[in-house]
N, C-alpha and C. Protein backbone atom coordinates (compact mmCIF):
# COMPACT_ATOMS: atom_id res chain seq x y z
N PRO A 1 89.24 136.56 102.89
CA PRO A 1 88.66 136.51 101.30
C PRO A 1 89.19 135.56 100.96
N ASN A 2 88.06 134.39 99.73
CA ASN A 2 88.47 133.25 100.11
C ASN A 2 90.08 133.31 98.82
N PHE A 3 90.06 134.32 97.75
CA PHE A 3 91.61 133.85 96.95
C PHE A 3 92.09 134.17 97.33
N LEU A 4 92.17 135.17 98.49
CA LEU A 4 94.02 135.26 99.98
C LEU A 4 93.85 133.55 100.39
N ARG A 5 92.66 132.97 101.23
CA ARG A 5 92.78 132.02 102.23
C ARG A 5 93.67 130.70 101.13
N ARG A 6 93.16 130.66 99.86
CA ARG A 6 93.29 129.58 98.56
C ARG A 6 95.25 130.23 98.89
N LYS A 7 95.50 131.20 98.48
CA LYS A 7 96.69 131.35 98.26
C LYS A 7 97.75 130.78 99.41
N ALA A 8 97.06 131.04 100.51
CA ALA A 8 98.05 130.95 101.58
C ALA A 8 97.87 129.43 101.72
N ILE A 9 97.13 128.51 101.41
CA ILE A 9 97.08 127.44 102.27
C ILE A 9 97.86 126.78 100.66
N ARG A 10 98.05 127.09 99.82
CA ARG A 10 99.15 126.74 98.59
C ARG A 10 100.29 127.13 99.00
N LEU A 11 100.25 128.41 99.71
CA LEU A 11 102.04 128.64 99.94
C LEU A 11 102.49 128.13 101.20
N SER A 12 101.88 127.38 101.68
CA SER A 12 102.34 126.66 103.19
C SER A 12 101.72 124.99 102.96
N GLN A 13 101.26 124.37 102.02
CA GLN A 13 101.13 123.34 101.58
C GLN A 13 102.30 122.21 100.85
N SER A 14 102.93 121.38 100.79
CA SER A 14 103.85 120.40 100.44
C SER A 14 103.20 120.44 98.73
N LYS A 15 104.02 120.24 97.69
CA LYS A 15 103.35 119.99 96.46
C LYS A 15 103.86 118.53 96.52
N PHE A 16 102.78 117.99 95.31
CA PHE A 16 102.53 116.53 95.29
C PHE A 16 102.07 116.09 94.13
N THR A 17 102.19 114.55 93.88
CA THR A 17 101.81 113.93 91.92
C THR A 17 100.76 112.98 92.83
N VAL A 18 99.81 112.92 91.81
CA VAL A 18 99.48 111.83 91.54
C VAL A 18 98.68 111.05 90.63
N SER A 19 98.41 109.75 90.83
CA SER A 19 98.63 108.85 89.72
C SER A 19 97.92 107.77 89.99
N VAL A 20 97.42 107.17 88.96
CA VAL A 20 96.09 106.03 89.41
C VAL A 20 97.15 104.93 88.36
N GLY A 21 96.89 103.69 88.76
CA GLY A 21 96.95 102.38 88.43
C GLY A 21 95.84 101.16 88.57
N ALA A 22 95.86 100.23 87.83
CA ALA A 22 94.92 99.40 87.45
C ALA A 22 95.06 98.10 87.70
N VAL A 23 94.83 96.66 87.97
CA VAL A 23 94.95 95.35 87.93
C VAL A 23 94.19 95.32 87.01
N VAL A 24 94.05 95.12 85.71
CA VAL A 24 93.24 94.84 84.96
C VAL A 24 93.00 93.00 84.23
N LEU A 25 92.35 92.34 84.54
CA LEU A 25 92.11 91.21 84.21
C LEU A 25 90.72 90.58 82.87
N ASN A 26 91.36 89.68 82.18
CA ASN A 26 90.69 89.13 81.46
C ASN A 26 88.97 88.12 81.37
N GLU A 27 89.17 87.84 80.51
CA GLU A 27 87.96 86.64 81.04
C GLU A 27 88.56 85.26 81.45
N LYS A 28 89.65 85.24 81.06
CA LYS A 28 90.72 84.12 82.33
C LYS A 28 91.02 84.37 83.15
N ASP A 29 90.79 85.87 83.85
CA ASP A 29 91.19 86.26 85.11
C ASP A 29 93.22 86.04 84.94
N GLU A 30 93.44 86.43 83.68
CA GLU A 30 94.92 86.71 83.50
C GLU A 30 94.98 88.14 83.62
N ILE A 31 96.02 88.57 83.98
CA ILE A 31 96.25 90.15 84.52
C ILE A 31 97.46 90.47 82.99
N LEU A 32 96.93 91.74 83.55
CA LEU A 32 97.17 92.87 82.31
C LEU A 32 98.56 93.10 82.54
N LEU A 33 99.97 93.60 81.46
CA LEU A 33 100.98 94.03 82.63
C LEU A 33 101.62 94.29 81.38
N LEU A 34 101.99 95.72 81.58
CA LEU A 34 103.02 96.96 80.13
C LEU A 34 104.19 96.67 80.63
N ASP A 35 105.02 96.78 79.68
CA ASP A 35 106.14 96.86 79.92
C ASP A 35 106.69 98.35 79.02
N HIS A 36 106.95 98.78 80.33
CA HIS A 36 106.78 100.36 80.24
C HIS A 36 108.30 101.18 80.13
N VAL A 37 108.20 101.96 78.60
CA VAL A 37 109.62 102.63 78.84
C VAL A 37 110.00 103.35 80.28
N LEU A 38 108.99 104.43 80.93
CA LEU A 38 109.54 105.37 81.68
C LEU A 38 109.76 104.43 83.16
N ARG A 39 109.34 103.53 83.32
CA ARG A 39 109.69 102.51 84.81
C ARG A 39 110.70 101.80 84.96
N PRO A 40 111.58 102.26 86.23
CA PRO A 40 112.70 102.23 86.22
C PRO A 40 112.94 100.76 86.34
N ALA A 41 114.32 100.17 86.10
CA ALA A 41 114.70 99.08 86.52
C ALA A 41 114.00 98.27 85.32
N SER A 42 113.22 96.96 85.71
CA SER A 42 112.23 96.39 84.68
C SER A 42 111.04 97.34 84.30
N GLY A 43 110.85 97.26 83.25
CA GLY A 43 109.57 98.11 82.98
C GLY A 43 108.20 97.72 82.97
N TRP A 44 108.21 95.97 83.12
CA TRP A 44 106.42 95.72 83.69
C TRP A 44 106.24 95.59 84.98
N GLY A 45 104.66 96.11 84.56
CA GLY A 45 104.07 96.36 85.54
C GLY A 45 102.47 96.53 85.14
N ILE A 46 101.73 97.02 86.32
CA ILE A 46 100.30 97.00 85.87
C ILE A 46 100.22 98.67 85.20
N PRO A 47 98.84 99.20 84.26
CA PRO A 47 99.11 100.06 83.16
C PRO A 47 98.37 101.14 84.63
N GLY A 48 98.84 102.18 84.57
CA GLY A 48 98.76 103.46 84.67
C GLY A 48 98.91 104.80 83.93
N GLY A 49 99.20 106.13 84.95
CA GLY A 49 99.52 107.29 84.90
C GLY A 49 99.25 108.39 85.33
N PHE A 50 99.78 109.28 85.49
CA PHE A 50 99.06 110.73 85.81
C PHE A 50 97.71 110.84 85.93
N MET A 51 97.26 111.86 87.10
CA MET A 51 96.03 111.70 86.64
C MET A 51 96.48 113.95 85.56
N ASN A 52 95.17 113.85 85.63
CA ASN A 52 95.41 115.12 84.64
C ASN A 52 94.59 116.91 85.80
N TYR A 53 94.61 117.56 85.80
CA TYR A 53 94.03 118.83 86.17
C TYR A 53 92.47 118.69 86.20
N GLN A 54 91.74 118.72 87.41
CA GLN A 54 90.48 118.61 87.62
C GLN A 54 90.15 117.07 87.01
N GLU A 55 90.65 116.65 86.99
CA GLU A 55 89.98 115.14 86.74
C GLU A 55 90.24 114.19 87.51
N GLN A 56 89.15 113.33 87.64
CA GLN A 56 88.69 112.09 88.72
C GLN A 56 89.37 110.93 88.86
N PRO A 57 89.93 110.44 89.69
CA PRO A 57 90.93 108.85 89.84
C PRO A 57 90.38 107.94 88.54
N SER A 58 88.75 107.80 88.87
CA SER A 58 88.15 106.87 87.83
C SER A 58 88.43 107.12 86.50
N GLU A 59 87.74 108.26 86.07
CA GLU A 59 87.75 108.71 84.60
C GLU A 59 89.26 108.54 84.42
N ALA A 60 90.48 109.12 85.06
CA ALA A 60 92.14 109.04 84.83
C ALA A 60 92.95 108.18 84.37
N ILE A 61 91.94 106.75 85.17
CA ILE A 61 92.64 105.50 84.97
C ILE A 61 91.78 104.80 82.91
N LYS A 62 90.90 105.38 83.37
CA LYS A 62 90.16 104.66 81.90
C LYS A 62 90.56 105.56 80.81
N ARG A 63 91.11 106.53 80.74
CA ARG A 63 92.14 107.40 80.56
C ARG A 63 93.03 106.94 79.33
N GLU A 64 94.17 106.35 81.00
CA GLU A 64 95.35 106.05 80.47
C GLU A 64 95.06 104.36 80.15
N ILE A 65 94.58 103.55 80.71
CA ILE A 65 94.26 102.77 80.11
C ILE A 65 94.12 102.31 78.42
N PHE A 66 92.75 103.47 78.10
CA PHE A 66 92.42 103.39 76.23
C PHE A 66 93.37 104.13 75.55
N GLU A 67 94.59 104.90 76.32
CA GLU A 67 95.84 105.84 75.78
C GLU A 67 96.49 104.51 75.32
N GLU A 68 96.99 103.59 76.18
CA GLU A 68 98.11 102.74 76.08
C GLU A 68 97.95 101.96 75.19
N THR A 69 96.33 101.08 76.04
CA THR A 69 96.27 99.98 75.01
C THR A 69 94.92 99.55 74.20
N GLY A 70 94.02 100.68 73.62
CA GLY A 70 92.85 101.12 73.36
C GLY A 70 91.29 99.92 73.83
N LEU A 71 91.93 99.23 75.23
CA LEU A 71 90.92 99.08 76.61
C LEU A 71 89.82 99.70 76.96
N GLU A 72 88.54 99.27 77.19
CA GLU A 72 87.98 100.00 77.75
C GLU A 72 87.69 99.08 78.81
N LEU A 73 87.57 99.74 80.08
CA LEU A 73 87.18 99.07 81.90
C LEU A 73 85.64 98.83 82.05
N GLU A 74 85.54 97.77 82.31
CA GLU A 74 84.53 97.20 83.09
C GLU A 74 84.49 96.78 84.52
N GLU A 75 83.30 97.41 85.76
CA GLU A 75 83.66 96.33 87.07
C GLU A 75 84.84 97.58 87.73
N LEU A 76 84.85 98.75 87.55
CA LEU A 76 85.71 99.30 87.79
C LEU A 76 85.47 99.33 89.00
N GLN A 77 86.62 99.09 89.92
CA GLN A 77 86.39 99.28 91.46
C GLN A 77 87.99 99.77 92.43
N MET A 78 87.65 101.10 92.67
CA MET A 78 89.08 101.38 93.41
C MET A 78 89.14 100.75 94.92
N LEU A 79 90.39 100.73 95.03
CA LEU A 79 91.11 99.40 96.18
C LEU A 79 91.53 100.30 97.26
N TRP A 80 92.27 101.27 96.78
CA TRP A 80 92.87 101.52 97.86
C TRP A 80 93.90 102.64 97.73
N MET A 81 94.40 103.93 97.96
CA MET A 81 95.73 104.89 98.19
C MET A 81 96.33 104.58 98.85
N ARG A 82 97.77 105.19 98.37
CA ARG A 82 98.77 105.06 99.25
C ARG A 82 99.65 106.65 98.73
N THR A 83 100.72 106.77 100.10
CA THR A 83 101.18 107.99 99.45
C THR A 83 102.41 107.02 99.81
N LEU A 84 103.38 108.07 98.47
CA LEU A 84 105.09 107.39 98.56
C LEU A 84 105.68 109.36 98.74
N TYR A 85 106.35 109.62 99.61
CA TYR A 85 106.91 110.52 99.44
C TYR A 85 105.88 111.64 99.47
N ARG A 86 106.04 112.45 97.95
CA ARG A 86 105.55 113.00 97.66
C ARG A 86 104.50 112.61 96.19
N HIS A 87 104.09 111.78 96.77
CA HIS A 87 103.17 111.30 95.56
C HIS A 87 102.09 110.38 95.73
N ILE A 88 100.99 110.48 95.21
CA ILE A 88 99.93 109.89 96.09
C ILE A 88 99.56 109.08 94.97
N GLU A 89 99.34 107.47 95.31
CA GLU A 89 98.57 106.44 94.01
C GLU A 89 97.29 106.29 94.45
N VAL A 90 96.79 106.44 93.78
CA VAL A 90 95.13 105.55 93.62
C VAL A 90 94.96 103.94 92.99
N ILE A 91 94.87 103.15 93.71
CA ILE A 91 94.90 101.79 92.83
C ILE A 91 93.63 101.19 92.22
N PHE A 92 93.23 100.74 91.87
CA PHE A 92 92.41 99.79 90.96
C PHE A 92 92.34 98.66 90.47
N ARG A 93 91.18 98.18 90.44
CA ARG A 93 90.70 97.05 90.08
C ARG A 93 89.73 96.76 88.83
N ALA A 94 89.78 96.32 87.64
CA ALA A 94 88.86 96.30 86.59
C ALA A 94 89.02 95.27 85.62
N LYS A 95 88.25 94.63 85.14
CA LYS A 95 87.77 93.65 84.15
C LYS A 95 88.63 94.72 82.50
N GLY A 96 89.11 94.13 81.70
CA GLY A 96 89.43 94.94 80.30
C GLY A 96 88.12 94.79 79.00
N LYS A 97 88.10 95.34 78.19
CA LYS A 97 87.06 94.99 77.31
C LYS A 97 87.31 95.42 76.19
N GLY A 98 87.43 94.23 74.99
CA GLY A 98 88.57 95.02 73.86
C GLY A 98 89.05 94.02 73.77
N ASN A 99 90.19 94.45 72.46
CA ASN A 99 91.87 93.61 72.64
C ASN A 99 93.40 94.97 72.81
N ALA A 100 93.44 94.20 73.43
CA ALA A 100 94.66 95.36 73.92
C ALA A 100 95.64 95.28 73.04
N GLU A 101 96.66 96.20 72.72
CA GLU A 101 97.53 96.67 71.72
C GLU A 101 98.05 97.34 72.34
N VAL A 102 99.32 97.42 72.07
CA VAL A 102 100.15 99.19 72.07
C VAL A 102 100.12 99.93 71.13
N LYS A 103 99.74 100.94 72.17
CA LYS A 103 98.55 102.30 71.57
C LYS A 103 99.64 103.53 71.77
N SER A 104 100.83 103.58 72.28
CA SER A 104 101.76 104.44 73.02
C SER A 104 103.08 104.72 72.74
N ARG A 105 103.64 105.35 72.42
CA ARG A 105 105.18 105.20 72.57
C ARG A 105 105.88 104.84 73.81
N GLU A 106 105.26 105.18 75.06
CA GLU A 106 105.65 105.11 76.36
C GLU A 106 105.34 103.46 76.85
N ILE A 107 104.86 102.53 75.71
CA ILE A 107 105.05 101.45 75.96
C ILE A 107 105.45 100.42 75.15
N ILE A 108 106.21 99.57 75.43
CA ILE A 108 107.00 98.75 74.31
C ILE A 108 106.44 97.66 74.34
N SER A 109 105.74 96.62 75.03
CA SER A 109 104.50 95.95 74.81
C SER A 109 104.06 95.76 76.09
N LEU A 110 103.16 94.54 75.87
CA LEU A 110 101.88 94.64 76.67
C LEU A 110 101.77 92.92 76.46
N GLY A 111 101.04 92.36 77.83
CA GLY A 111 100.82 91.04 77.56
C GLY A 111 99.67 90.63 78.85
N TRP A 112 98.87 89.30 78.72
CA TRP A 112 98.32 88.82 80.12
C TRP A 112 99.06 87.65 80.75
N PHE A 113 98.82 87.37 81.50
CA PHE A 113 99.54 86.88 82.21
C PHE A 113 98.71 86.36 83.65
N LYS A 114 98.96 85.00 83.94
CA LYS A 114 98.31 84.45 84.92
C LYS A 114 99.61 84.74 85.95
N PHE A 115 99.23 84.69 87.36
CA PHE A 115 100.02 85.40 88.78
C PHE A 115 100.96 84.95 88.87
N GLU A 116 101.23 83.07 88.34
CA GLU A 116 101.95 82.68 88.85
C GLU A 116 103.02 82.87 87.74
N GLU A 117 103.08 83.32 86.22
CA GLU A 117 103.76 83.50 85.37
C GLU A 117 104.06 84.40 84.90
N MET A 118 104.19 85.75 85.75
CA MET A 118 104.50 87.27 85.43
C MET A 118 105.54 86.96 85.57
N PRO A 119 106.01 88.59 84.21
CA PRO A 119 108.05 88.26 84.22
C PRO A 119 108.71 88.17 85.64
N ALA A 120 109.93 87.68 85.34
CA ALA A 120 110.72 87.29 86.48
C ALA A 120 110.76 88.74 87.13
N GLU A 121 111.77 89.62 85.64
CA GLU A 121 112.02 90.44 86.32
C GLU A 121 111.41 91.26 87.17
N MET A 122 110.49 91.52 86.96
CA MET A 122 108.94 92.77 86.87
C MET A 122 109.89 92.94 89.14
N SER A 123 109.31 94.23 89.45
CA SER A 123 109.72 94.18 90.75
C SER A 123 108.98 93.40 91.60
N GLU A 124 109.15 93.74 92.84
CA GLU A 124 108.53 93.14 93.74
C GLU A 124 107.44 94.09 94.42
N GLY A 125 107.56 95.62 94.20
CA GLY A 125 106.89 96.29 94.28
C GLY A 125 105.11 95.88 93.65
N GLN A 126 105.69 95.99 92.39
CA GLN A 126 104.94 95.84 91.37
C GLN A 126 103.65 93.95 91.36
N LYS A 127 104.35 93.07 92.26
CA LYS A 127 104.12 91.87 92.06
C LYS A 127 103.00 92.46 93.53
N GLU A 128 103.58 92.75 93.88
CA GLU A 128 102.67 93.10 95.89
C GLU A 128 101.56 93.90 95.52
N ILE A 129 101.57 94.86 94.39
CA ILE A 129 100.02 95.68 93.93
C ILE A 129 99.11 94.92 93.74
N ILE A 130 99.91 93.85 92.31
CA ILE A 130 99.04 92.76 92.16
C ILE A 130 97.75 91.87 93.20
N LYS A 131 99.27 91.07 93.75
CA LYS A 131 98.72 89.84 95.02
C LYS A 131 97.42 90.56 95.90
N LYS A 132 98.01 92.21 96.67
CA LYS A 132 96.69 92.60 97.40
C LYS A 132 95.90 93.13 96.44
N ALA A 133 95.37 93.58 95.40
CA ALA A 133 94.41 93.91 94.54
C ALA A 133 93.70 92.69 94.45
N LEU A 134 94.35 91.29 93.85
CA LEU A 134 93.40 89.85 93.84
C LEU A 134 92.88 89.31 94.67
N SER A 135 93.32 89.90 96.28
CA SER A 135 92.95 89.32 97.27
C SER A 135 91.31 90.26 98.24
N LYS A 136 91.53 91.23 97.38
CA LYS A 136 90.72 92.03 97.74
C LYS A 136 89.30 92.12 97.18
N ASP A 137 88.55 91.62 98.32
CA ASP A 137 86.63 91.48 97.65
C ASP A 137 85.89 91.98 98.36
């Protein structure tokens, strides 16, 4: 039966988490970066967060960015997915529409940065995500 098959699959498969992130650009091709309370080491990086139950990745990234900054997204494009141990991450690129401001207690501050002028203390992993996203066409 269907319910028994689903239960067997759930018991035999490892659990994992799924998050979304986006390289968001403005009309000057500056990158939106958030100084995030929950990001280890340097808080600076791309916006994003965890997906909700039964939420599609594109809806999750739109929701996360709107909740954290008030921005709406245009030209949303999924670029890639990657796994990090028991975590799956979906990366997007988009254009931001509206005025970004801190809307969440999870965010210390935000800013728009040229690639060459990103915060020095930002992790190399975050810089690599941005570099790769900007090179995709």
